[in-house]
Amino acid sequence: MNISTSLSANASYSSQQVKSSNIEIKTQEDAQELKAYMQENSITFSSINIDFQSSVSSFNSNSTDFEKDHEEFQNFLQDVGYNGPNIGSLSQEEAIELVSEDGFFGIDKTSQRIADFVLSGAGEDESLLRAGRAGILQGFDEAKQISGGELPDISYKTIEKAVEIIDKAMHSMGYSILDSNS
């Protein structure tokens, strides 16, 4: 089996790495390993997006943690296509705009990024779709734990919408949304 652990151009993060899925599938064990990688990557991607969305939505210009988070998320911002103002120098109004309905880190755009990550990584493979879906939910739970057990409402709405997008895609592919293997 060939597994590339290098980071892909669309998936490099400074603190948590999303592994590329250059896995050559020859056996059932290879397929299981790909499923595990899909879930692991989805956990990381979801957790990073939700954690960052939470940080932006609770912006405090006097927070030293926010400035530290800014440095940590520079690669993330570039990878998800954020080309806006420097996060560390945002005013409170600019931060609120970023998480607004039409903002880059608003519910619609963030949930679509999360869902697209799973959908593009899994293609039409049912087991990978399920692994990715489970991964983003686990990543959400990890983001919740990191923030002390609660996140802003925007984060709950975002993960709910991301799962809905994945569920609709699975349904359109002819898969039951309920996993008969659980």
N, C-alpha and C. Protein backbone atom coordinates (compact mmCIF):
# COMPACT_ATOMS: atom_id res chain seq x y z
N MET A 1 0.84 -1.17 0.00
CA MET A 1 0.00 0.00 0.00
C MET A 1 0.88 1.23 0.00
N ASN A 2 0.50 2.25 -0.75
CA ASN A 2 1.19 3.51 -0.82
C ASN A 2 0.39 4.58 -0.11
N ILE A 3 0.92 5.17 0.94
CA ILE A 3 0.23 6.26 1.62
C ILE A 3 1.14 7.46 1.63
N SER A 4 0.65 8.56 1.10
CA SER A 4 1.41 9.79 1.12
C SER A 4 1.01 10.57 2.37
N THR A 5 1.99 10.92 3.18
CA THR A 5 1.68 11.71 4.37
C THR A 5 2.01 13.18 4.16
N SER A 6 2.40 13.52 2.93
CA SER A 6 2.64 14.93 2.66
C SER A 6 1.30 15.66 2.61
N LEU A 7 1.34 16.93 2.87
CA LEU A 7 0.11 17.70 2.87
C LEU A 7 -0.21 18.16 1.47
N SER A 8 -1.48 18.09 1.12
CA SER A 8 -1.91 18.57 -0.19
C SER A 8 -2.00 20.09 -0.14
N ALA A 9 -2.04 20.71 -1.30
CA ALA A 9 -2.09 22.17 -1.37
C ALA A 9 -3.34 22.71 -0.71
N ASN A 10 -4.43 21.96 -0.72
CA ASN A 10 -5.68 22.44 -0.14
C ASN A 10 -5.84 22.00 1.31
N ALA A 11 -4.85 21.38 1.89
CA ALA A 11 -5.05 20.84 3.22
C ALA A 11 -3.79 20.91 4.07
N SER A 12 -3.19 22.07 4.19
CA SER A 12 -2.04 22.17 5.08
C SER A 12 -2.39 23.10 6.22
N TYR A 13 -2.16 22.64 7.42
CA TYR A 13 -2.49 23.39 8.61
C TYR A 13 -1.30 23.36 9.53
N SER A 14 -1.10 24.44 10.27
CA SER A 14 0.09 24.53 11.08
C SER A 14 0.04 23.63 12.31
N SER A 15 -1.07 23.60 13.03
CA SER A 15 -1.09 22.86 14.28
C SER A 15 -1.64 21.46 14.14
N GLN A 16 -2.54 21.25 13.22
CA GLN A 16 -3.12 19.93 13.01
C GLN A 16 -3.02 19.65 11.52
N GLN A 17 -2.54 18.47 11.15
CA GLN A 17 -2.33 18.20 9.74
C GLN A 17 -3.44 17.34 9.19
N VAL A 18 -3.90 17.72 8.02
CA VAL A 18 -4.85 16.91 7.28
C VAL A 18 -4.02 16.15 6.27
N LYS A 19 -4.09 14.84 6.33
CA LYS A 19 -3.28 14.00 5.46
C LYS A 19 -3.92 13.87 4.09
N SER A 20 -3.07 13.79 3.07
CA SER A 20 -3.62 13.57 1.73
C SER A 20 -4.07 12.12 1.63
N SER A 21 -4.95 11.87 0.69
CA SER A 21 -5.51 10.53 0.57
C SER A 21 -4.98 9.82 -0.67
N ASN A 22 -3.68 9.90 -0.90
CA ASN A 22 -3.08 9.20 -2.02
C ASN A 22 -2.82 7.74 -1.63
N ILE A 23 -3.91 7.01 -1.46
CA ILE A 23 -3.82 5.62 -1.03
C ILE A 23 -4.26 4.74 -2.19
N GLU A 24 -3.42 3.82 -2.55
CA GLU A 24 -3.75 2.87 -3.60
C GLU A 24 -4.49 1.71 -2.96
N ILE A 25 -5.73 1.50 -3.37
CA ILE A 25 -6.58 0.48 -2.75
C ILE A 25 -6.42 -0.84 -3.51
N LYS A 26 -5.88 -1.83 -2.80
CA LYS A 26 -5.71 -3.16 -3.39
C LYS A 26 -6.44 -4.22 -2.59
N THR A 27 -6.65 -3.95 -1.31
CA THR A 27 -7.27 -4.94 -0.44
C THR A 27 -8.37 -4.29 0.40
N GLN A 28 -9.13 -5.13 1.10
CA GLN A 28 -10.15 -4.63 2.02
C GLN A 28 -9.50 -3.83 3.13
N GLU A 29 -8.32 -4.25 3.55
CA GLU A 29 -7.58 -3.52 4.60
C GLU A 29 -7.22 -2.11 4.11
N ASP A 30 -6.83 -1.98 2.83
CA ASP A 30 -6.54 -0.67 2.26
C ASP A 30 -7.78 0.21 2.28
N ALA A 31 -8.93 -0.37 1.94
CA ALA A 31 -10.18 0.38 1.94
C ALA A 31 -10.52 0.86 3.35
N GLN A 32 -10.30 0.02 4.34
CA GLN A 32 -10.55 0.41 5.73
C GLN A 32 -9.61 1.53 6.16
N GLU A 33 -8.36 1.45 5.70
CA GLU A 33 -7.40 2.48 6.04
C GLU A 33 -7.80 3.81 5.41
N LEU A 34 -8.26 3.79 4.16
CA LEU A 34 -8.73 5.00 3.51
C LEU A 34 -9.92 5.59 4.25
N LYS A 35 -10.82 4.73 4.70
CA LYS A 35 -11.98 5.19 5.47
C LYS A 35 -11.53 5.86 6.76
N ALA A 36 -10.54 5.28 7.43
CA ALA A 36 -10.02 5.87 8.67
C ALA A 36 -9.37 7.23 8.40
N TYR A 37 -8.61 7.33 7.30
CA TYR A 37 -8.00 8.61 6.95
C TYR A 37 -9.08 9.65 6.65
N MET A 38 -10.13 9.25 5.95
CA MET A 38 -11.22 10.18 5.63
C MET A 38 -11.85 10.71 6.91
N GLN A 39 -12.09 9.82 7.85
CA GLN A 39 -12.70 10.24 9.11
C GLN A 39 -11.75 11.15 9.88
N GLU A 40 -10.48 10.78 9.95
CA GLU A 40 -9.50 11.58 10.68
C GLU A 40 -9.37 12.97 10.07
N ASN A 41 -9.31 13.03 8.74
CA ASN A 41 -9.20 14.33 8.07
C ASN A 41 -10.45 15.17 8.30
N SER A 42 -11.61 14.55 8.28
CA SER A 42 -12.86 15.28 8.50
C SER A 42 -12.94 15.82 9.92
N ILE A 43 -12.46 15.05 10.87
CA ILE A 43 -12.41 15.51 12.26
C ILE A 43 -11.58 16.79 12.34
N THR A 44 -10.39 16.73 11.77
CA THR A 44 -9.48 17.87 11.82
C THR A 44 -10.07 19.09 11.12
N PHE A 45 -10.58 18.89 9.90
CA PHE A 45 -11.10 20.01 9.12
C PHE A 45 -12.29 20.65 9.81
N SER A 46 -13.20 19.83 10.32
CA SER A 46 -14.37 20.35 11.01
C SER A 46 -13.97 21.11 12.27
N SER A 47 -13.10 20.50 13.05
CA SER A 47 -12.67 21.11 14.30
C SER A 47 -12.01 22.46 14.06
N ILE A 48 -11.14 22.53 13.07
CA ILE A 48 -10.44 23.77 12.77
C ILE A 48 -11.44 24.85 12.34
N ASN A 49 -12.36 24.51 11.42
CA ASN A 49 -13.33 25.49 10.94
C ASN A 49 -14.23 25.99 12.06
N ILE A 50 -14.77 25.07 12.85
CA ILE A 50 -15.69 25.47 13.92
C ILE A 50 -14.96 26.26 15.00
N ASP A 51 -13.76 25.82 15.36
CA ASP A 51 -12.99 26.53 16.38
C ASP A 51 -12.67 27.94 15.92
N PHE A 52 -12.27 28.07 14.66
CA PHE A 52 -11.95 29.40 14.16
C PHE A 52 -13.19 30.27 14.05
N GLN A 53 -14.28 29.69 13.57
CA GLN A 53 -15.54 30.44 13.47
C GLN A 53 -15.94 30.94 14.86
N SER A 54 -15.78 30.09 15.86
CA SER A 54 -16.10 30.46 17.23
C SER A 54 -15.21 31.61 17.71
N SER A 55 -13.92 31.54 17.38
CA SER A 55 -12.99 32.60 17.77
C SER A 55 -13.37 33.93 17.14
N VAL A 56 -13.70 33.90 15.85
CA VAL A 56 -14.06 35.13 15.16
C VAL A 56 -15.37 35.69 15.70
N SER A 57 -16.34 34.81 15.98
CA SER A 57 -17.63 35.31 16.43
C SER A 57 -17.58 35.87 17.85
N SER A 58 -16.61 35.45 18.63
CA SER A 58 -16.48 36.00 19.99
C SER A 58 -15.26 36.90 20.07
N PHE A 59 -15.00 37.61 18.98
CA PHE A 59 -13.83 38.48 18.85
C PHE A 59 -13.74 39.47 20.00
N ASN A 60 -12.55 39.59 20.52
CA ASN A 60 -12.25 40.58 21.55
C ASN A 60 -10.91 41.18 21.19
N SER A 61 -10.89 42.43 20.80
CA SER A 61 -9.66 43.05 20.33
C SER A 61 -8.57 43.10 21.39
N ASN A 62 -8.91 42.91 22.64
CA ASN A 62 -7.91 42.92 23.71
C ASN A 62 -7.42 41.52 24.07
N SER A 63 -7.89 40.52 23.39
CA SER A 63 -7.56 39.15 23.73
C SER A 63 -6.19 38.75 23.19
N THR A 64 -5.29 38.33 24.06
CA THR A 64 -3.99 37.84 23.60
C THR A 64 -4.14 36.47 22.97
N ASP A 65 -5.14 35.70 23.40
CA ASP A 65 -5.38 34.40 22.77
C ASP A 65 -5.76 34.58 21.31
N PHE A 66 -6.53 35.59 21.00
CA PHE A 66 -6.95 35.80 19.63
C PHE A 66 -5.74 36.09 18.75
N GLU A 67 -4.81 36.89 19.24
CA GLU A 67 -3.61 37.20 18.46
C GLU A 67 -2.78 35.93 18.25
N LYS A 68 -2.69 35.09 19.26
CA LYS A 68 -1.98 33.81 19.13
C LYS A 68 -2.69 32.92 18.12
N ASP A 69 -4.02 32.86 18.21
CA ASP A 69 -4.79 32.06 17.26
C ASP A 69 -4.60 32.57 15.84
N HIS A 70 -4.47 33.88 15.70
CA HIS A 70 -4.28 34.46 14.37
C HIS A 70 -3.04 33.86 13.70
N GLU A 71 -1.94 33.81 14.42
CA GLU A 71 -0.72 33.22 13.85
C GLU A 71 -0.93 31.76 13.49
N GLU A 72 -1.57 31.01 14.37
CA GLU A 72 -1.79 29.60 14.14
C GLU A 72 -2.66 29.33 12.92
N PHE A 73 -3.56 30.23 12.62
CA PHE A 73 -4.51 30.01 11.53
C PHE A 73 -4.12 30.64 10.20
N GLN A 74 -2.94 31.20 10.10
CA GLN A 74 -2.55 31.83 8.83
C GLN A 74 -2.58 30.83 7.68
N ASN A 75 -2.04 29.66 7.85
CA ASN A 75 -2.08 28.65 6.78
C ASN A 75 -3.51 28.23 6.50
N PHE A 76 -4.29 28.06 7.55
CA PHE A 76 -5.70 27.68 7.38
C PHE A 76 -6.43 28.72 6.54
N LEU A 77 -6.27 29.99 6.87
CA LEU A 77 -6.96 31.05 6.15
C LEU A 77 -6.61 31.02 4.67
N GLN A 78 -5.34 30.87 4.38
CA GLN A 78 -4.90 30.83 3.00
C GLN A 78 -5.48 29.61 2.29
N ASP A 79 -5.50 28.48 2.95
CA ASP A 79 -5.99 27.24 2.33
C ASP A 79 -7.48 27.27 2.04
N VAL A 80 -8.26 27.95 2.85
CA VAL A 80 -9.70 27.99 2.60
C VAL A 80 -10.09 29.18 1.72
N GLY A 81 -9.11 29.94 1.27
CA GLY A 81 -9.39 31.00 0.32
C GLY A 81 -9.71 32.35 0.93
N TYR A 82 -9.42 32.54 2.20
CA TYR A 82 -9.70 33.84 2.82
C TYR A 82 -8.63 34.83 2.37
N ASN A 83 -9.07 35.91 1.74
CA ASN A 83 -8.16 36.95 1.26
C ASN A 83 -8.51 38.31 1.84
N GLY A 84 -9.25 38.32 2.93
CA GLY A 84 -9.70 39.57 3.53
C GLY A 84 -8.64 40.22 4.39
N PRO A 85 -9.08 41.19 5.19
CA PRO A 85 -8.15 41.91 6.06
C PRO A 85 -7.46 40.96 7.04
N ASN A 86 -6.31 41.38 7.49
CA ASN A 86 -5.55 40.62 8.47
C ASN A 86 -6.43 40.39 9.71
N ILE A 87 -6.60 39.13 10.07
CA ILE A 87 -7.48 38.76 11.19
C ILE A 87 -7.05 39.43 12.49
N GLY A 88 -5.76 39.53 12.73
CA GLY A 88 -5.26 40.11 13.98
C GLY A 88 -5.51 41.59 14.11
N SER A 89 -5.83 42.26 13.01
CA SER A 89 -6.05 43.70 13.08
C SER A 89 -7.50 44.10 12.82
N LEU A 90 -8.40 43.14 12.88
CA LEU A 90 -9.81 43.43 12.64
C LEU A 90 -10.42 44.26 13.77
N SER A 91 -11.28 45.16 13.39
CA SER A 91 -12.09 45.85 14.40
C SER A 91 -13.22 44.89 14.78
N GLN A 92 -13.92 45.21 15.83
CA GLN A 92 -15.04 44.37 16.24
C GLN A 92 -16.11 44.33 15.14
N GLU A 93 -16.33 45.45 14.48
CA GLU A 93 -17.31 45.52 13.40
C GLU A 93 -16.91 44.62 12.24
N GLU A 94 -15.62 44.61 11.89
CA GLU A 94 -15.13 43.76 10.79
C GLU A 94 -15.27 42.28 11.14
N ALA A 95 -15.00 41.95 12.40
CA ALA A 95 -15.15 40.56 12.82
C ALA A 95 -16.60 40.13 12.76
N ILE A 96 -17.50 41.00 13.17
CA ILE A 96 -18.93 40.69 13.11
C ILE A 96 -19.35 40.49 11.66
N GLU A 97 -18.82 41.29 10.76
CA GLU A 97 -19.13 41.14 9.33
C GLU A 97 -18.65 39.79 8.79
N LEU A 98 -17.49 39.33 9.24
CA LEU A 98 -16.97 38.03 8.78
C LEU A 98 -17.90 36.87 9.14
N VAL A 99 -18.60 36.96 10.26
CA VAL A 99 -19.49 35.86 10.67
C VAL A 99 -20.95 36.18 10.40
N SER A 100 -21.19 37.27 9.67
CA SER A 100 -22.56 37.61 9.32
C SER A 100 -23.10 36.62 8.30
N GLU A 101 -24.37 36.77 7.95
CA GLU A 101 -25.03 35.85 7.02
C GLU A 101 -24.25 35.69 5.71
N ASP A 102 -23.74 36.78 5.17
CA ASP A 102 -23.00 36.73 3.91
C ASP A 102 -21.49 36.73 4.11
N GLY A 103 -21.04 36.68 5.36
CA GLY A 103 -19.61 36.75 5.64
C GLY A 103 -18.87 35.46 5.33
N PHE A 104 -17.58 35.59 5.16
CA PHE A 104 -16.74 34.45 4.81
C PHE A 104 -16.84 33.33 5.84
N PHE A 105 -16.96 33.67 7.11
CA PHE A 105 -17.09 32.67 8.17
C PHE A 105 -18.51 32.57 8.71
N GLY A 106 -19.47 33.02 7.90
CA GLY A 106 -20.88 32.88 8.25
C GLY A 106 -21.31 31.42 8.11
N ILE A 107 -22.53 31.16 8.51
CA ILE A 107 -23.06 29.79 8.52
C ILE A 107 -23.02 29.16 7.13
N ASP A 108 -23.53 29.85 6.13
CA ASP A 108 -23.63 29.27 4.79
C ASP A 108 -22.28 28.90 4.21
N LYS A 109 -21.36 29.84 4.22
CA LYS A 109 -20.06 29.59 3.58
C LYS A 109 -19.22 28.59 4.37
N THR A 110 -19.25 28.65 5.68
CA THR A 110 -18.46 27.71 6.47
C THR A 110 -19.03 26.30 6.38
N SER A 111 -20.35 26.17 6.46
CA SER A 111 -20.95 24.84 6.35
C SER A 111 -20.70 24.24 4.97
N GLN A 112 -20.74 25.07 3.94
CA GLN A 112 -20.47 24.58 2.59
C GLN A 112 -19.03 24.11 2.46
N ARG A 113 -18.07 24.85 3.04
CA ARG A 113 -16.66 24.43 3.01
C ARG A 113 -16.48 23.09 3.69
N ILE A 114 -17.11 22.92 4.85
CA ILE A 114 -16.98 21.67 5.59
C ILE A 114 -17.59 20.52 4.79
N ALA A 115 -18.80 20.73 4.28
CA ALA A 115 -19.47 19.68 3.50
C ALA A 115 -18.68 19.37 2.23
N ASP A 116 -18.21 20.39 1.54
CA ASP A 116 -17.44 20.18 0.31
C ASP A 116 -16.17 19.37 0.58
N PHE A 117 -15.55 19.60 1.73
CA PHE A 117 -14.36 18.84 2.09
C PHE A 117 -14.68 17.35 2.11
N VAL A 118 -15.78 17.00 2.74
CA VAL A 118 -16.19 15.59 2.82
C VAL A 118 -16.61 15.07 1.45
N LEU A 119 -17.45 15.82 0.76
CA LEU A 119 -17.99 15.37 -0.52
C LEU A 119 -16.90 15.21 -1.57
N SER A 120 -15.96 16.12 -1.61
CA SER A 120 -14.89 15.99 -2.61
C SER A 120 -13.92 14.88 -2.24
N GLY A 121 -13.68 14.70 -0.96
CA GLY A 121 -12.77 13.63 -0.52
C GLY A 121 -13.36 12.25 -0.68
N ALA A 122 -14.67 12.14 -0.53
CA ALA A 122 -15.32 10.83 -0.55
C ALA A 122 -15.84 10.45 -1.93
N GLY A 123 -16.08 11.43 -2.76
CA GLY A 123 -16.69 11.13 -4.06
C GLY A 123 -18.05 10.51 -3.83
N GLU A 124 -18.32 9.40 -4.49
CA GLU A 124 -19.60 8.72 -4.32
C GLU A 124 -19.46 7.43 -3.52
N ASP A 125 -18.36 7.28 -2.80
CA ASP A 125 -18.13 6.09 -1.99
C ASP A 125 -18.90 6.23 -0.68
N GLU A 126 -19.90 5.35 -0.49
CA GLU A 126 -20.77 5.45 0.67
C GLU A 126 -20.01 5.36 1.99
N SER A 127 -19.06 4.43 2.10
CA SER A 127 -18.36 4.27 3.37
C SER A 127 -17.50 5.49 3.69
N LEU A 128 -16.92 6.12 2.65
CA LEU A 128 -16.14 7.34 2.88
C LEU A 128 -17.03 8.52 3.23
N LEU A 129 -18.19 8.59 2.61
CA LEU A 129 -19.15 9.64 2.96
C LEU A 129 -19.56 9.52 4.42
N ARG A 130 -19.86 8.30 4.84
CA ARG A 130 -20.25 8.08 6.24
C ARG A 130 -19.10 8.39 7.20
N ALA A 131 -17.89 8.00 6.81
CA ALA A 131 -16.72 8.28 7.65
C ALA A 131 -16.49 9.79 7.75
N GLY A 132 -16.61 10.49 6.63
CA GLY A 132 -16.44 11.93 6.64
C GLY A 132 -17.51 12.63 7.46
N ARG A 133 -18.74 12.18 7.33
CA ARG A 133 -19.85 12.75 8.10
C ARG A 133 -19.60 12.54 9.59
N ALA A 134 -19.22 11.33 9.96
CA ALA A 134 -18.92 11.04 11.36
C ALA A 134 -17.74 11.88 11.83
N GLY A 135 -16.77 12.06 10.96
CA GLY A 135 -15.58 12.84 11.31
C GLY A 135 -15.89 14.30 11.59
N ILE A 136 -16.75 14.91 10.77
CA ILE A 136 -17.05 16.33 11.04
C ILE A 136 -17.83 16.48 12.34
N LEU A 137 -18.66 15.51 12.66
CA LEU A 137 -19.39 15.57 13.93
C LEU A 137 -18.43 15.39 15.11
N GLN A 138 -17.46 14.50 14.96
CA GLN A 138 -16.48 14.31 16.02
C GLN A 138 -15.60 15.56 16.15
N GLY A 139 -15.24 16.16 15.01
CA GLY A 139 -14.46 17.40 15.05
C GLY A 139 -15.21 18.52 15.74
N PHE A 140 -16.52 18.58 15.51
CA PHE A 140 -17.36 19.56 16.19
C PHE A 140 -17.31 19.33 17.70
N ASP A 141 -17.45 18.06 18.11
CA ASP A 141 -17.38 17.75 19.54
C ASP A 141 -16.03 18.13 20.13
N GLU A 142 -14.96 17.91 19.37
CA GLU A 142 -13.63 18.29 19.86
C GLU A 142 -13.50 19.81 19.98
N ALA A 143 -14.04 20.54 19.02
CA ALA A 143 -14.02 22.01 19.11
C ALA A 143 -14.79 22.48 20.33
N LYS A 144 -15.90 21.78 20.62
CA LYS A 144 -16.70 22.12 21.80
C LYS A 144 -15.89 21.90 23.08
N GLN A 145 -15.20 20.78 23.15
CA GLN A 145 -14.38 20.48 24.32
C GLN A 145 -13.27 21.50 24.50
N ILE A 146 -12.64 21.89 23.39
CA ILE A 146 -11.56 22.88 23.44
C ILE A 146 -12.06 24.20 24.02
N SER A 147 -13.29 24.54 23.69
CA SER A 147 -13.82 25.83 24.15
C SER A 147 -14.55 25.73 25.49
N GLY A 148 -14.40 24.64 26.18
CA GLY A 148 -14.99 24.52 27.51
C GLY A 148 -16.38 23.92 27.53
N GLY A 149 -16.80 23.29 26.47
CA GLY A 149 -18.09 22.59 26.46
C GLY A 149 -19.21 23.28 25.73
N GLU A 150 -19.06 24.54 25.44
CA GLU A 150 -20.11 25.28 24.73
C GLU A 150 -19.48 26.11 23.62
N LEU A 151 -20.24 26.26 22.55
CA LEU A 151 -19.83 27.10 21.43
C LEU A 151 -20.94 28.11 21.17
N PRO A 152 -20.64 29.16 20.41
CA PRO A 152 -21.70 30.11 20.05
C PRO A 152 -22.75 29.42 19.17
N ASP A 153 -23.96 29.95 19.16
CA ASP A 153 -25.05 29.39 18.36
C ASP A 153 -24.66 29.22 16.90
N ILE A 154 -23.87 30.13 16.36
CA ILE A 154 -23.47 30.07 14.96
C ILE A 154 -22.78 28.73 14.65
N SER A 155 -22.02 28.23 15.58
CA SER A 155 -21.29 26.98 15.35
C SER A 155 -22.24 25.79 15.28
N TYR A 156 -23.24 25.76 16.13
CA TYR A 156 -24.24 24.68 16.10
C TYR A 156 -25.02 24.71 14.79
N LYS A 157 -25.41 25.91 14.38
CA LYS A 157 -26.15 26.04 13.12
C LYS A 157 -25.29 25.65 11.92
N THR A 158 -24.01 25.97 12.00
CA THR A 158 -23.09 25.65 10.91
C THR A 158 -22.92 24.14 10.75
N ILE A 159 -22.69 23.44 11.85
CA ILE A 159 -22.47 21.99 11.74
C ILE A 159 -23.75 21.30 11.32
N GLU A 160 -24.88 21.79 11.81
CA GLU A 160 -26.17 21.23 11.41
C GLU A 160 -26.38 21.37 9.90
N LYS A 161 -26.04 22.53 9.36
CA LYS A 161 -26.21 22.76 7.92
C LYS A 161 -25.20 21.93 7.11
N ALA A 162 -23.98 21.78 7.59
CA ALA A 162 -22.98 20.97 6.89
C ALA A 162 -23.45 19.51 6.80
N VAL A 163 -23.97 18.98 7.90
CA VAL A 163 -24.48 17.60 7.91
C VAL A 163 -25.68 17.49 6.97
N GLU A 164 -26.54 18.49 6.97
CA GLU A 164 -27.70 18.48 6.07
C GLU A 164 -27.27 18.42 4.60
N ILE A 165 -26.24 19.18 4.25
CA ILE A 165 -25.74 19.17 2.87
C ILE A 165 -25.21 17.78 2.50
N ILE A 166 -24.47 17.18 3.41
CA ILE A 166 -23.93 15.83 3.16
C ILE A 166 -25.07 14.83 3.06
N ASP A 167 -26.03 14.92 3.97
CA ASP A 167 -27.18 13.99 3.95
C ASP A 167 -27.96 14.10 2.64
N LYS A 168 -28.17 15.33 2.17
CA LYS A 168 -28.88 15.52 0.90
C LYS A 168 -28.10 14.92 -0.26
N ALA A 169 -26.78 15.10 -0.24
CA ALA A 169 -25.95 14.53 -1.31
C ALA A 169 -26.01 13.01 -1.27
N MET A 170 -25.94 12.44 -0.08
CA MET A 170 -26.01 10.97 0.05
C MET A 170 -27.36 10.47 -0.44
N HIS A 171 -28.41 11.17 -0.07
CA HIS A 171 -29.76 10.78 -0.51
C HIS A 171 -29.86 10.83 -2.03
N SER A 172 -29.30 11.88 -2.63
CA SER A 172 -29.37 12.00 -4.09
C SER A 172 -28.55 10.91 -4.79
N MET A 173 -27.59 10.34 -4.09
CA MET A 173 -26.79 9.24 -4.64
C MET A 173 -27.47 7.89 -4.42
N GLY A 174 -28.60 7.92 -3.72
CA GLY A 174 -29.35 6.69 -3.48
C GLY A 174 -29.01 5.99 -2.18
N TYR A 175 -28.25 6.65 -1.31
CA TYR A 175 -27.89 6.04 -0.02
C TYR A 175 -28.89 6.46 1.05
N SER A 176 -29.19 5.51 1.92
CA SER A 176 -30.03 5.83 3.07
C SER A 176 -29.22 6.71 4.01
N ILE A 177 -29.87 7.68 4.56
CA ILE A 177 -29.19 8.55 5.51
C ILE A 177 -28.90 7.80 6.80
N LEU A 178 -29.72 6.84 7.11
CA LEU A 178 -29.49 6.00 8.29
C LEU A 178 -28.46 4.94 7.96
N ASP A 179 -27.48 4.78 8.82
CA ASP A 179 -26.44 3.78 8.59
C ASP A 179 -26.90 2.45 9.13
N SER A 180 -27.13 1.50 8.26
CA SER A 180 -27.62 0.19 8.69
C SER A 180 -26.55 -0.62 9.42
N ASN A 181 -25.30 -0.16 9.40
CA ASN A 181 -24.23 -0.89 10.08
C ASN A 181 -24.02 -0.43 11.50
N SER A 182 -24.76 0.58 11.96
CA SER A 182 -24.54 1.06 13.33
C SER A 182 -25.46 0.37 14.29
